[in-house]
Amino acid sequence: MEHPEILICDDESGVRESLKLILERDFSLAFVTNGEEAVAHLARHAPALAILDVKMPRMGGLEALREIATRHPSLPILVISGYESADIAAQAIALGAADYLTKPFDRHVVLAKVQELAARRAH
């Protein structure tokens, strides 16, 4: 059985590697490093879920979220940030994010949340 694809968009290699270790057993992973690359990837692919970091060069996560949610309204988007901010979380949800997690994250929480959100896309 083919694993669902998860698009991971984060400019920090350590975060990408952590997510890879947590998710690679259950999902096919695609990695990009900024919002522009995420938008371009989604023009060619239909992953089960996108994970977007908030702070990135060129196009940040909230700007990318705004564009992606408009173009791909059924795509669940998990926003991650190194900053625990109720304002950023509320803004992400208002823009269409399915959920918001802060770094560093617990591997079990990430895996459970990604499985839940990817399953939404499958139905």
PDB file of N, CA and C in Angstrom:
ATOM      1  N   MET A   1       0.837  -1.178   0.000  1.00  0.00           N
ATOM      2  CA  MET A   1       0.000   0.000   0.000  1.00  0.00           C
ATOM      3  C   MET A   1       0.887   1.248   0.000  1.00  0.00           C
ATOM      4  N   GLU A   2       0.514   2.205  -0.826  1.00  0.00           N
ATOM      5  CA  GLU A   2       1.286   3.441  -0.930  1.00  0.00           C
ATOM      6  C   GLU A   2       0.978   4.360   0.250  1.00  0.00           C
ATOM      7  N   HIS A   3       2.013   4.962   0.778  1.00  0.00           N
ATOM      8  CA  HIS A   3       1.845   5.882   1.908  1.00  0.00           C
ATOM      9  C   HIS A   3       1.356   7.236   1.397  1.00  0.00           C
ATOM     10  N   PRO A   4       0.476   7.902   2.147  1.00  0.00           N
ATOM     11  CA  PRO A   4       0.064   9.250   1.762  1.00  0.00           C
ATOM     12  C   PRO A   4       1.250  10.212   1.840  1.00  0.00           C
ATOM     13  N   GLU A   5       1.235  11.208   0.953  1.00  0.00           N
ATOM     14  CA  GLU A   5       2.319  12.187   0.958  1.00  0.00           C
ATOM     15  C   GLU A   5       2.029  13.325   1.935  1.00  0.00           C
ATOM     16  N   ILE A   6       3.065  13.725   2.652  1.00  0.00           N
ATOM     17  CA  ILE A   6       3.018  14.887   3.523  1.00  0.00           C
ATOM     18  C   ILE A   6       4.047  15.880   2.992  1.00  0.00           C
ATOM     19  N   LEU A   7       3.622  17.111   2.772  1.00  0.00           N
ATOM     20  CA  LEU A   7       4.546  18.181   2.375  1.00  0.00           C
ATOM     21  C   LEU A   7       5.006  18.895   3.635  1.00  0.00           C
ATOM     22  N   ILE A   8       6.313  18.929   3.841  1.00  0.00           N
ATOM     23  CA  ILE A   8       6.906  19.594   5.002  1.00  0.00           C
ATOM     24  C   ILE A   8       7.657  20.827   4.519  1.00  0.00           C
ATOM     25  N   CYS A   9       7.239  21.970   5.033  1.00  0.00           N
ATOM     26  CA  CYS A   9       7.823  23.246   4.610  1.00  0.00           C
ATOM     27  C   CYS A   9       8.427  23.936   5.824  1.00  0.00           C
ATOM     28  N   ASP A  10       9.755  23.850   5.941  1.00  0.00           N
ATOM     29  CA  ASP A  10      10.466  24.482   7.055  1.00  0.00           C
ATOM     30  C   ASP A  10      11.875  24.787   6.594  1.00  0.00           C
ATOM     31  N   ASP A  11      12.378  25.971   6.933  1.00  0.00           N
ATOM     32  CA  ASP A  11      13.720  26.353   6.493  1.00  0.00           C
ATOM     33  C   ASP A  11      14.817  25.787   7.389  1.00  0.00           C
ATOM     34  N   GLU A  12      14.465  25.195   8.533  1.00  0.00           N
ATOM     35  CA  GLU A  12      15.465  24.642   9.442  1.00  0.00           C
ATOM     36  C   GLU A  12      15.679  23.150   9.169  1.00  0.00           C
ATOM     37  N   SER A  13      16.919  22.793   8.811  1.00  0.00           N
ATOM     38  CA  SER A  13      17.202  21.393   8.488  1.00  0.00           C
ATOM     39  C   SER A  13      16.957  20.472   9.681  1.00  0.00           C
ATOM     40  N   GLY A  14      17.216  20.940  10.898  1.00  0.00           N
ATOM     41  CA  GLY A  14      16.993  20.120  12.081  1.00  0.00           C
ATOM     42  C   GLY A  14      15.527  19.758  12.270  1.00  0.00           C
ATOM     43  N   VAL A  15      14.659  20.702  11.997  1.00  0.00           N
ATOM     44  CA  VAL A  15      13.218  20.445  12.103  1.00  0.00           C
ATOM     45  C   VAL A  15      12.790  19.468  11.018  1.00  0.00           C
ATOM     46  N   ARG A  16      13.267  19.687   9.784  1.00  0.00           N
ATOM     47  CA  ARG A  16      12.929  18.754   8.692  1.00  0.00           C
ATOM     48  C   ARG A  16      13.387  17.354   9.045  1.00  0.00           C
ATOM     49  N   GLU A  17      14.594  17.213   9.592  1.00  0.00           N
ATOM     50  CA  GLU A  17      15.125  15.896   9.960  1.00  0.00           C
ATOM     51  C   GLU A  17      14.307  15.270  11.085  1.00  0.00           C
ATOM     52  N   SER A  18      13.916  16.065  12.077  1.00  0.00           N
ATOM     53  CA  SER A  18      13.084  15.546  13.177  1.00  0.00           C
ATOM     54  C   SER A  18      11.753  15.026  12.645  1.00  0.00           C
ATOM     55  N   LEU A  19      11.123  15.806  11.787  1.00  0.00           N
ATOM     56  CA  LEU A  19       9.842  15.370  11.224  1.00  0.00           C
ATOM     57  C   LEU A  19      10.014  14.124  10.354  1.00  0.00           C
ATOM     58  N   LYS A  20      11.132  14.066   9.648  1.00  0.00           N
ATOM     59  CA  LYS A  20      11.411  12.871   8.834  1.00  0.00           C
ATOM     60  C   LYS A  20      11.495  11.633   9.723  1.00  0.00           C
ATOM     61  N   LEU A  21      12.219  11.731  10.815  1.00  0.00           N
ATOM     62  CA  LEU A  21      12.366  10.585  11.718  1.00  0.00           C
ATOM     63  C   LEU A  21      11.027  10.169  12.322  1.00  0.00           C
ATOM     64  N   ILE A  22      10.173  11.133  12.615  1.00  0.00           N
ATOM     65  CA  ILE A  22       8.876  10.842  13.215  1.00  0.00           C
ATOM     66  C   ILE A  22       7.905  10.234  12.203  1.00  0.00           C
ATOM     67  N   LEU A  23       7.937  10.715  10.957  1.00  0.00           N
ATOM     68  CA  LEU A  23       6.875  10.404   9.999  1.00  0.00           C
ATOM     69  C   LEU A  23       7.232   9.432   8.880  1.00  0.00           C
ATOM     70  N   GLU A  24       8.519   9.183   8.630  1.00  0.00           N
ATOM     71  CA  GLU A  24       8.908   8.441   7.425  1.00  0.00           C
ATOM     72  C   GLU A  24       8.394   7.010   7.368  1.00  0.00           C
ATOM     73  N   ARG A  25       8.097   6.415   8.505  1.00  0.00           N
ATOM     74  CA  ARG A  25       7.609   5.038   8.505  1.00  0.00           C
ATOM     75  C   ARG A  25       6.181   4.944   7.966  1.00  0.00           C
ATOM     76  N   ASP A  26       5.393   5.991   8.180  1.00  0.00           N
ATOM     77  CA  ASP A  26       3.968   5.953   7.834  1.00  0.00           C
ATOM     78  C   ASP A  26       3.581   6.805   6.631  1.00  0.00           C
ATOM     79  N   PHE A  27       4.490   7.667   6.189  1.00  0.00           N
ATOM     80  CA  PHE A  27       4.144   8.619   5.132  1.00  0.00           C
ATOM     81  C   PHE A  27       5.277   8.774   4.132  1.00  0.00           C
ATOM     82  N   SER A  28       4.904   9.140   2.915  1.00  0.00           N
ATOM     83  CA  SER A  28       5.866   9.583   1.914  1.00  0.00           C
ATOM     84  C   SER A  28       6.059  11.077   2.162  1.00  0.00           C
ATOM     85  N   LEU A  29       7.302  11.534   2.206  1.00  0.00           N
ATOM     86  CA  LEU A  29       7.571  12.917   2.586  1.00  0.00           C
ATOM     87  C   LEU A  29       8.183  13.716   1.445  1.00  0.00           C
ATOM     88  N   ALA A  30       7.723  14.951   1.314  1.00  0.00           N
ATOM     89  CA  ALA A  30       8.317  15.906   0.377  1.00  0.00           C
ATOM     90  C   ALA A  30       8.732  17.112   1.203  1.00  0.00           C
ATOM     91  N   PHE A  31       9.900  17.654   0.917  1.00  0.00           N
ATOM     92  CA  PHE A  31      10.439  18.765   1.707  1.00  0.00           C
ATOM     93  C   PHE A  31      10.685  19.986   0.840  1.00  0.00           C
ATOM     94  N   VAL A  32      10.293  21.155   1.356  1.00  0.00           N
ATOM     95  CA  VAL A  32      10.612  22.438   0.750  1.00  0.00           C
ATOM     96  C   VAL A  32      11.046  23.364   1.881  1.00  0.00           C
ATOM     97  N   THR A  33      11.683  24.476   1.524  1.00  0.00           N
ATOM     98  CA  THR A  33      12.277  25.324   2.563  1.00  0.00           C
ATOM     99  C   THR A  33      11.646  26.715   2.697  1.00  0.00           C
ATOM    100  N   ASN A  34      10.639  27.023   1.863  1.00  0.00           N
ATOM    101  CA  ASN A  34       9.942  28.304   2.031  1.00  0.00           C
ATOM    102  C   ASN A  34       8.557  28.220   1.398  1.00  0.00           C
ATOM    103  N   GLY A  35       7.750  29.239   1.671  1.00  0.00           N
ATOM    104  CA  GLY A  35       6.374  29.246   1.190  1.00  0.00           C
ATOM    105  C   GLY A  35       6.243  29.217  -0.315  1.00  0.00           C
ATOM    106  N   GLU A  36       7.138  29.908  -1.019  1.00  0.00           N
ATOM    107  CA  GLU A  36       7.084  29.898  -2.492  1.00  0.00           C
ATOM    108  C   GLU A  36       7.246  28.482  -3.025  1.00  0.00           C
ATOM    109  N   GLU A  37       8.188  27.739  -2.456  1.00  0.00           N
ATOM    110  CA  GLU A  37       8.400  26.347  -2.885  1.00  0.00           C
ATOM    111  C   GLU A  37       7.186  25.489  -2.551  1.00  0.00           C
ATOM    112  N   ALA A  38       6.542  25.749  -1.426  1.00  0.00           N
ATOM    113  CA  ALA A  38       5.343  24.994  -1.041  1.00  0.00           C
ATOM    114  C   ALA A  38       4.221  25.222  -2.052  1.00  0.00           C
ATOM    115  N   VAL A  39       3.989  26.479  -2.403  1.00  0.00           N
ATOM    116  CA  VAL A  39       2.950  26.808  -3.372  1.00  0.00           C
ATOM    117  C   VAL A  39       3.245  26.134  -4.712  1.00  0.00           C
ATOM    118  N   ALA A  40       4.503  26.183  -5.154  1.00  0.00           N
ATOM    119  CA  ALA A  40       4.897  25.554  -6.416  1.00  0.00           C
ATOM    120  C   ALA A  40       4.713  24.032  -6.355  1.00  0.00           C
ATOM    121  N   HIS A  41       5.093  23.420  -5.242  1.00  0.00           N
ATOM    122  CA  HIS A  41       4.942  21.966  -5.088  1.00  0.00           C
ATOM    123  C   HIS A  41       3.465  21.576  -5.201  1.00  0.00           C
ATOM    124  N   LEU A  42       2.609  22.357  -4.560  1.00  0.00           N
ATOM    125  CA  LEU A  42       1.180  22.034  -4.556  1.00  0.00           C
ATOM    126  C   LEU A  42       0.514  22.240  -5.910  1.00  0.00           C
ATOM    127  N   ALA A  43       1.152  22.980  -6.795  1.00  0.00           N
ATOM    128  CA  ALA A  43       0.627  23.130  -8.151  1.00  0.00           C
ATOM    129  C   ALA A  43       0.809  21.836  -8.945  1.00  0.00           C
ATOM    130  N   ARG A  44       1.752  20.988  -8.502  1.00  0.00           N
ATOM    131  CA  ARG A  44       2.070  19.749  -9.224  1.00  0.00           C
ATOM    132  C   ARG A  44       1.691  18.475  -8.467  1.00  0.00           C
ATOM    133  N   HIS A  45       1.445  18.571  -7.171  1.00  0.00           N
ATOM    134  CA  HIS A  45       1.207  17.397  -6.332  1.00  0.00           C
ATOM    135  C   HIS A  45      -0.002  17.635  -5.436  1.00  0.00           C
ATOM    136  N   ALA A  46      -0.594  16.533  -4.968  1.00  0.00           N
ATOM    137  CA  ALA A  46      -1.757  16.634  -4.080  1.00  0.00           C
ATOM    138  C   ALA A  46      -1.507  15.815  -2.819  1.00  0.00           C
ATOM    139  N   PRO A  47      -0.711  16.350  -1.901  1.00  0.00           N
ATOM    140  CA  PRO A  47      -0.425  15.600  -0.675  1.00  0.00           C
ATOM    141  C   PRO A  47      -1.667  15.487   0.218  1.00  0.00           C
ATOM    142  N   ALA A  48      -1.585  14.605   1.195  1.00  0.00           N
ATOM    143  CA  ALA A  48      -2.674  14.425   2.151  1.00  0.00           C
ATOM    144  C   ALA A  48      -2.683  15.545   3.183  1.00  0.00           C
ATOM    145  N   LEU A  49      -1.526  16.198   3.357  1.00  0.00           N
ATOM    146  CA  LEU A  49      -1.376  17.204   4.398  1.00  0.00           C
ATOM    147  C   LEU A  49      -0.158  18.063   4.081  1.00  0.00           C
ATOM    148  N   ALA A  50      -0.220  19.333   4.465  1.00  0.00           N
ATOM    149  CA  ALA A  50       0.950  20.207   4.403  1.00  0.00           C
ATOM    150  C   ALA A  50       1.261  20.687   5.817  1.00  0.00           C
ATOM    151  N   ILE A  51       2.551  20.693   6.148  1.00  0.00           N
ATOM    152  CA  ILE A  51       3.026  21.228   7.423  1.00  0.00           C
ATOM    153  C   ILE A  51       3.847  22.466   7.095  1.00  0.00           C
ATOM    154  N   LEU A  52       3.427  23.613   7.643  1.00  0.00           N
ATOM    155  CA  LEU A  52       4.089  24.882   7.338  1.00  0.00           C
ATOM    156  C   LEU A  52       4.664  25.518   8.591  1.00  0.00           C
ATOM    157  N   ASP A  53       5.930  25.903   8.513  1.00  0.00           N
ATOM    158  CA  ASP A  53       6.539  26.702   9.567  1.00  0.00           C
ATOM    159  C   ASP A  53       6.066  28.152   9.382  1.00  0.00           C
ATOM    160  N   VAL A  54       5.989  28.906  10.470  1.00  0.00           N
ATOM    161  CA  VAL A  54       5.550  30.301  10.389  1.00  0.00           C
ATOM    162  C   VAL A  54       6.655  31.200   9.848  1.00  0.00           C
ATOM    163  N   LYS A  55       7.846  31.130  10.433  1.00  0.00           N
ATOM    164  CA  LYS A  55       8.941  32.045  10.084  1.00  0.00           C
ATOM    165  C   LYS A  55       9.885  31.387   9.081  1.00  0.00           C
ATOM    166  N   MET A  56       9.843  31.873   7.834  1.00  0.00           N
ATOM    167  CA  MET A  56      10.742  31.381   6.782  1.00  0.00           C
ATOM    168  C   MET A  56      11.116  32.538   5.873  1.00  0.00           C
ATOM    169  N   PRO A  57      12.259  32.424   5.198  1.00  0.00           N
ATOM    170  CA  PRO A  57      12.647  33.475   4.250  1.00  0.00           C
ATOM    171  C   PRO A  57      11.760  33.450   2.999  1.00  0.00           C
ATOM    172  N   ARG A  58      11.767  34.541   2.287  1.00  0.00           N
ATOM    173  CA  ARG A  58      11.077  34.718   1.000  1.00  0.00           C
ATOM    174  C   ARG A  58       9.559  34.776   1.159  1.00  0.00           C
ATOM    175  N   MET A  59       8.927  33.691   1.572  1.00  0.00           N
ATOM    176  CA  MET A  59       7.489  33.708   1.835  1.00  0.00           C
ATOM    177  C   MET A  59       7.260  32.906   3.106  1.00  0.00           C
ATOM    178  N   GLY A  60       6.791  33.580   4.138  1.00  0.00           N
ATOM    179  CA  GLY A  60       6.556  32.921   5.418  1.00  0.00           C
ATOM    180  C   GLY A  60       5.340  32.013   5.386  1.00  0.00           C
ATOM    181  N   GLY A  61       5.170  31.278   6.462  1.00  0.00           N
ATOM    182  CA  GLY A  61       4.111  30.291   6.541  1.00  0.00           C
ATOM    183  C   GLY A  61       2.706  30.861   6.496  1.00  0.00           C
ATOM    184  N   LEU A  62       2.473  31.993   7.152  1.00  0.00           N
ATOM    185  CA  LEU A  62       1.121  32.551   7.146  1.00  0.00           C
ATOM    186  C   LEU A  62       0.748  33.093   5.770  1.00  0.00           C
ATOM    187  N   GLU A  63       1.714  33.706   5.091  1.00  0.00           N
ATOM    188  CA  GLU A  63       1.474  34.182   3.725  1.00  0.00           C
ATOM    189  C   GLU A  63       1.216  32.990   2.798  1.00  0.00           C
ATOM    190  N   ALA A  64       2.017  31.936   2.945  1.00  0.00           N
ATOM    191  CA  ALA A  64       1.814  30.734   2.135  1.00  0.00           C
ATOM    192  C   ALA A  64       0.469  30.092   2.471  1.00  0.00           C
ATOM    193  N   LEU A  65       0.134  30.048   3.755  1.00  0.00           N
ATOM    194  CA  LEU A  65      -1.139  29.474   4.183  1.00  0.00           C
ATOM    195  C   LEU A  65      -2.307  30.182   3.508  1.00  0.00           C
ATOM    196  N   ARG A  66      -2.259  31.496   3.476  1.00  0.00           N
ATOM    197  CA  ARG A  66      -3.327  32.280   2.847  1.00  0.00           C
ATOM    198  C   ARG A  66      -3.504  31.861   1.389  1.00  0.00           C
ATOM    199  N   GLU A  67      -2.402  31.750   0.670  1.00  0.00           N
ATOM    200  CA  GLU A  67      -2.457  31.393  -0.745  1.00  0.00           C
ATOM    201  C   GLU A  67      -2.885  29.935  -0.946  1.00  0.00           C
ATOM    202  N   ILE A  68      -2.326  29.037  -0.152  1.00  0.00           N
ATOM    203  CA  ILE A  68      -2.632  27.608  -0.290  1.00  0.00           C
ATOM    204  C   ILE A  68      -4.090  27.316   0.069  1.00  0.00           C
ATOM    205  N   ALA A  69      -4.579  27.917   1.147  1.00  0.00           N
ATOM    206  CA  ALA A  69      -5.968  27.675   1.569  1.00  0.00           C
ATOM    207  C   ALA A  69      -6.956  28.154   0.501  1.00  0.00           C
ATOM    208  N   THR A  70      -6.600  29.202  -0.223  1.00  0.00           N
ATOM    209  CA  THR A  70      -7.463  29.700  -1.299  1.00  0.00           C
ATOM    210  C   THR A  70      -7.449  28.739  -2.484  1.00  0.00           C
ATOM    211  N   ARG A  71      -6.265  28.265  -2.854  1.00  0.00           N
ATOM    212  CA  ARG A  71      -6.123  27.394  -4.030  1.00  0.00           C
ATOM    213  C   ARG A  71      -6.493  25.936  -3.757  1.00  0.00           C
ATOM    214  N   HIS A  72      -6.304  25.486  -2.524  1.00  0.00           N
ATOM    215  CA  HIS A  72      -6.507  24.074  -2.162  1.00  0.00           C
ATOM    216  C   HIS A  72      -7.322  23.997  -0.865  1.00  0.00           C
ATOM    217  N   PRO A  73      -8.595  24.401  -0.922  1.00  0.00           N
ATOM    218  CA  PRO A  73      -9.378  24.516   0.312  1.00  0.00           C
ATOM    219  C   PRO A  73      -9.587  23.201   1.069  1.00  0.00           C
ATOM    220  N   SER A  74      -9.474  22.063   0.404  1.00  0.00           N
ATOM    221  CA  SER A  74      -9.682  20.787   1.105  1.00  0.00           C
ATOM    222  C   SER A  74      -8.394  20.213   1.707  1.00  0.00           C
ATOM    223  N   LEU A  75      -7.262  20.888   1.472  1.00  0.00           N
ATOM    224  CA  LEU A  75      -5.977  20.399   1.995  1.00  0.00           C
ATOM    225  C   LEU A  75      -5.824  20.765   3.466  1.00  0.00           C
ATOM    226  N   PRO A  76      -5.707  19.775   4.357  1.00  0.00           N
ATOM    227  CA  PRO A  76      -5.431  20.108   5.755  1.00  0.00           C
ATOM    228  C   PRO A  76      -4.014  20.676   5.888  1.00  0.00           C
ATOM    229  N   ILE A  77      -3.887  21.732   6.668  1.00  0.00           N
ATOM    230  CA  ILE A  77      -2.590  22.380   6.870  1.00  0.00           C
ATOM    231  C   ILE A  77      -2.321  22.477   8.361  1.00  0.00           C
ATOM    232  N   LEU A  78      -1.176  21.948   8.766  1.00  0.00           N
ATOM    233  CA  LEU A  78      -0.717  22.019  10.145  1.00  0.00           C
ATOM    234  C   LEU A  78       0.368  23.086  10.207  1.00  0.00           C
ATOM    235  N   VAL A  79       0.155  24.110  11.002  1.00  0.00           N
ATOM    236  CA  VAL A  79       1.134  25.190  11.138  1.00  0.00           C
ATOM    237  C   VAL A  79       1.987  24.900  12.376  1.00  0.00           C
ATOM    238  N   ILE A  80       3.304  25.039  12.209  1.00  0.00           N
ATOM    239  CA  ILE A  80       4.230  24.841  13.324  1.00  0.00           C
ATOM    240  C   ILE A  80       5.040  26.108  13.518  1.00  0.00           C
ATOM    241  N   SER A  81       5.411  26.370  14.763  1.00  0.00           N
ATOM    242  CA  SER A  81       6.184  27.574  15.037  1.00  0.00           C
ATOM    243  C   SER A  81       7.047  27.372  16.265  1.00  0.00           C
ATOM    244  N   GLY A  82       8.168  28.045  16.271  1.00  0.00           N
ATOM    245  CA  GLY A  82       9.029  28.045  17.442  1.00  0.00           C
ATOM    246  C   GLY A  82       8.555  29.054  18.479  1.00  0.00           C
ATOM    247  N   TYR A  83       7.515  29.791  18.144  1.00  0.00           N
ATOM    248  CA  TYR A  83       6.994  30.829  19.034  1.00  0.00           C
ATOM    249  C   TYR A  83       5.610  30.438  19.511  1.00  0.00           C
ATOM    250  N   GLU A  84       5.453  30.326  20.813  1.00  0.00           N
ATOM    251  CA  GLU A  84       4.133  30.029  21.364  1.00  0.00           C
ATOM    252  C   GLU A  84       3.376  31.339  21.459  1.00  0.00           C
ATOM    253  N   SER A  85       2.489  31.557  20.527  1.00  0.00           N
ATOM    254  CA  SER A  85       1.764  32.816  20.451  1.00  0.00           C
ATOM    255  C   SER A  85       0.303  32.548  20.144  1.00  0.00           C
ATOM    256  N   ALA A  86      -0.564  32.954  21.046  1.00  0.00           N
ATOM    257  CA  ALA A  86      -1.997  32.793  20.822  1.00  0.00           C
ATOM    258  C   ALA A  86      -2.435  33.602  19.603  1.00  0.00           C
ATOM    259  N   ASP A  87      -1.817  34.764  19.388  1.00  0.00           N
ATOM    260  CA  ASP A  87      -2.177  35.597  18.240  1.00  0.00           C
ATOM    261  C   ASP A  87      -1.844  34.903  16.925  1.00  0.00           C
ATOM    262  N   ILE A  88      -0.642  34.335  16.839  1.00  0.00           N
ATOM    263  CA  ILE A  88      -0.245  33.633  15.615  1.00  0.00           C
ATOM    264  C   ILE A  88      -1.115  32.397  15.412  1.00  0.00           C
ATOM    265  N   ALA A  89      -1.380  31.656  16.469  1.00  0.00           N
ATOM    266  CA  ALA A  89      -2.234  30.465  16.365  1.00  0.00           C
ATOM    267  C   ALA A  89      -3.626  30.857  15.879  1.00  0.00           C
ATOM    268  N   ALA A  90      -4.210  31.905  16.461  1.00  0.00           N
ATOM    269  CA  ALA A  90      -5.546  32.351  16.057  1.00  0.00           C
ATOM    270  C   ALA A  90      -5.551  32.822  14.608  1.00  0.00           C
ATOM    271  N   GLN A  91      -4.485  33.524  14.215  1.00  0.00           N
ATOM    272  CA  GLN A  91      -4.385  33.992  12.829  1.00  0.00           C
ATOM    273  C   GLN A  91      -4.275  32.806  11.873  1.00  0.00           C
ATOM    274  N   ALA A  92      -3.472  31.805  12.228  1.00  0.00           N
ATOM    275  CA  ALA A  92      -3.314  30.620  11.373  1.00  0.00           C
ATOM    276  C   ALA A  92      -4.652  29.894  11.198  1.00  0.00           C
ATOM    277  N   ILE A  93      -5.383  29.721  12.290  1.00  0.00           N
ATOM    278  CA  ILE A  93      -6.677  29.037  12.212  1.00  0.00           C
ATOM    279  C   ILE A  93      -7.654  29.867  11.373  1.00  0.00           C
ATOM    280  N   ALA A  94      -7.656  31.184  11.568  1.00  0.00           N
ATOM    281  CA  ALA A  94      -8.534  32.057  10.794  1.00  0.00           C
ATOM    282  C   ALA A  94      -8.222  31.992   9.295  1.00  0.00           C
ATOM    283  N   LEU A  95      -6.953  31.800   8.959  1.00  0.00           N
ATOM    284  CA  LEU A  95      -6.539  31.715   7.547  1.00  0.00           C
ATOM    285  C   LEU A  95      -6.814  30.341   6.937  1.00  0.00           C
ATOM    286  N   GLY A  96      -7.203  29.370   7.775  1.00  0.00           N
ATOM    287  CA  GLY A  96      -7.556  28.060   7.229  1.00  0.00           C
ATOM    288  C   GLY A  96      -6.728  26.896   7.720  1.00  0.00           C
ATOM    289  N   ALA A  97      -5.808  27.130   8.646  1.00  0.00           N
ATOM    290  CA  ALA A  97      -5.020  26.005   9.179  1.00  0.00           C
ATOM    291  C   ALA A  97      -5.938  25.059   9.950  1.00  0.00           C
ATOM    292  N   ALA A  98      -5.647  23.773   9.867  1.00  0.00           N
ATOM    293  CA  ALA A  98      -6.413  22.776  10.609  1.00  0.00           C
ATOM    294  C   ALA A  98      -5.986  22.739  12.072  1.00  0.00           C
ATOM    295  N   ASP A  99      -4.701  23.042  12.330  1.00  0.00           N
ATOM    296  CA  ASP A  99      -4.199  23.046  13.703  1.00  0.00           C
ATOM    297  C   ASP A  99      -2.860  23.765  13.752  1.00  0.00           C
ATOM    298  N   TYR A 100      -2.347  23.934  14.987  1.00  0.00           N
ATOM    299  CA  TYR A 100      -1.132  24.704  15.238  1.00  0.00           C
ATOM    300  C   TYR A 100      -0.361  24.008  16.357  1.00  0.00           C
ATOM    301  N   LEU A 101       0.915  23.735  16.125  1.00  0.00           N
ATOM    302  CA  LEU A 101       1.778  23.139  17.144  1.00  0.00           C
ATOM    303  C   LEU A 101       3.023  24.000  17.314  1.00  0.00           C
ATOM    304  N   THR A 102       3.548  24.045  18.548  1.00  0.00           N
ATOM    305  CA  THR A 102       4.777  24.783  18.778  1.00  0.00           C
ATOM    306  C   THR A 102       5.965  23.835  18.904  1.00  0.00           C
ATOM    307  N   LYS A 103       7.128  24.342  18.465  1.00  0.00           N
ATOM    308  CA  LYS A 103       8.385  23.599  18.595  1.00  0.00           C
ATOM    309  C   LYS A 103       8.994  23.939  19.951  1.00  0.00           C
ATOM    310  N   PRO A 104       9.750  23.070  20.544  1.00  0.00           N
ATOM    311  CA  PRO A 104       9.939  21.678  20.116  1.00  0.00           C
ATOM    312  C   PRO A 104       8.665  20.886  20.398  1.00  0.00           C
ATOM    313  N   PHE A 105       8.400  19.911  19.536  1.00  0.00           N
ATOM    314  CA  PHE A 105       7.172  19.170  19.709  1.00  0.00           C
ATOM    315  C   PHE A 105       7.447  17.744  20.142  1.00  0.00           C
ATOM    316  N   ASP A 106       6.469  17.175  20.799  1.00  0.00           N
ATOM    317  CA  ASP A 106       6.527  15.787  21.237  1.00  0.00           C
ATOM    318  C   ASP A 106       6.252  14.883  20.038  1.00  0.00           C
ATOM    319  N   ARG A 107       7.106  13.906  19.811  1.00  0.00           N
ATOM    320  CA  ARG A 107       6.963  13.048  18.619  1.00  0.00           C
ATOM    321  C   ARG A 107       5.621  12.345  18.567  1.00  0.00           C
ATOM    322  N   HIS A 108       5.088  11.926  19.712  1.00  0.00           N
ATOM    323  CA  HIS A 108       3.813  11.205  19.744  1.00  0.00           C
ATOM    324  C   HIS A 108       2.652  12.142  19.389  1.00  0.00           C
ATOM    325  N   VAL A 109       2.727  13.371  19.847  1.00  0.00           N
ATOM    326  CA  VAL A 109       1.699  14.363  19.529  1.00  0.00           C
ATOM    327  C   VAL A 109       1.724  14.664  18.029  1.00  0.00           C
ATOM    328  N   VAL A 110       2.914  14.855  17.473  1.00  0.00           N
ATOM    329  CA  VAL A 110       3.046  15.145  16.042  1.00  0.00           C
ATOM    330  C   VAL A 110       2.501  13.986  15.213  1.00  0.00           C
ATOM    331  N   LEU A 111       2.910  12.781  15.522  1.00  0.00           N
ATOM    332  CA  LEU A 111       2.460  11.625  14.749  1.00  0.00           C
ATOM    333  C   LEU A 111       0.941  11.479  14.822  1.00  0.00           C
ATOM    334  N   ALA A 112       0.375  11.587  16.003  1.00  0.00           N
ATOM    335  CA  ALA A 112      -1.080  11.454  16.159  1.00  0.00           C
ATOM    336  C   ALA A 112      -1.818  12.547  15.388  1.00  0.00           C
ATOM    337  N   LYS A 113      -1.327  13.783  15.473  1.00  0.00           N
ATOM    338  CA  LYS A 113      -1.971  14.902  14.781  1.00  0.00           C
ATOM    339  C   LYS A 113      -1.869  14.742  13.269  1.00  0.00           C
ATOM    340  N   VAL A 114      -0.704  14.348  12.762  1.00  0.00           N
ATOM    341  CA  VAL A 114      -0.526  14.159  11.323  1.00  0.00           C
ATOM    342  C   VAL A 114      -1.408  13.011  10.825  1.00  0.00           C
ATOM    343  N   GLN A 115      -1.485  11.912  11.574  1.00  0.00           N
ATOM    344  CA  GLN A 115      -2.356  10.806  11.166  1.00  0.00           C
ATOM    345  C   GLN A 115      -3.808  11.252  11.112  1.00  0.00           C
ATOM    346  N   GLU A 116      -4.237  12.007  12.124  1.00  0.00           N
ATOM    347  CA  GLU A 116      -5.625  12.498  12.171  1.00  0.00           C
ATOM    348  C   GLU A 116      -5.926  13.403  10.970  1.00  0.00           C
ATOM    349  N   LEU A 117      -5.045  14.359  10.701  1.00  0.00           N
ATOM    350  CA  LEU A 117      -5.295  15.309   9.624  1.00  0.00           C
ATOM    351  C   LEU A 117      -5.183  14.672   8.244  1.00  0.00           C
ATOM    352  N   ALA A 118      -4.233  13.760   8.065  1.00  0.00           N
ATOM    353  CA  ALA A 118      -4.096  13.073   6.770  1.00  0.00           C
ATOM    354  C   ALA A 118      -5.315  12.197   6.501  1.00  0.00           C
ATOM    355  N   ALA A 119      -5.876  11.608   7.534  1.00  0.00           N
ATOM    356  CA  ALA A 119      -7.071  10.774   7.383  1.00  0.00           C
ATOM    357  C   ALA A 119      -8.258  11.622   6.931  1.00  0.00           C
ATOM    358  N   ARG A 120      -8.321  12.875   7.366  1.00  0.00           N
ATOM    359  CA  ARG A 120      -9.389  13.785   6.928  1.00  0.00           C
ATOM    360  C   ARG A 120      -9.374  13.947   5.436  1.00  0.00           C
ATOM    361  N   ARG A 121      -8.167  14.081   4.868  1.00  0.00           N
ATOM    362  CA  ARG A 121      -8.026  14.298   3.426  1.00  0.00           C
ATOM    363  C   ARG A 121      -8.448  13.051   2.657  1.00  0.00           C
ATOM    364  N   ALA A 122      -8.222  11.881   3.251  1.00  0.00           N
ATOM    365  CA  ALA A 122      -8.540  10.619   2.567  1.00  0.00           C
ATOM    366  C   ALA A 122     -10.044  10.410   2.429  1.00  0.00           C
ATOM    367  N   HIS A 123     -10.808  11.062   3.285  1.00  0.00           N
ATOM    368  CA  HIS A 123     -12.269  10.845   3.239  1.00  0.00           C
ATOM    369  C   HIS A 123     -12.997  11.881   2.417  1.00  0.00           C
TER     370      HIS A 123
END
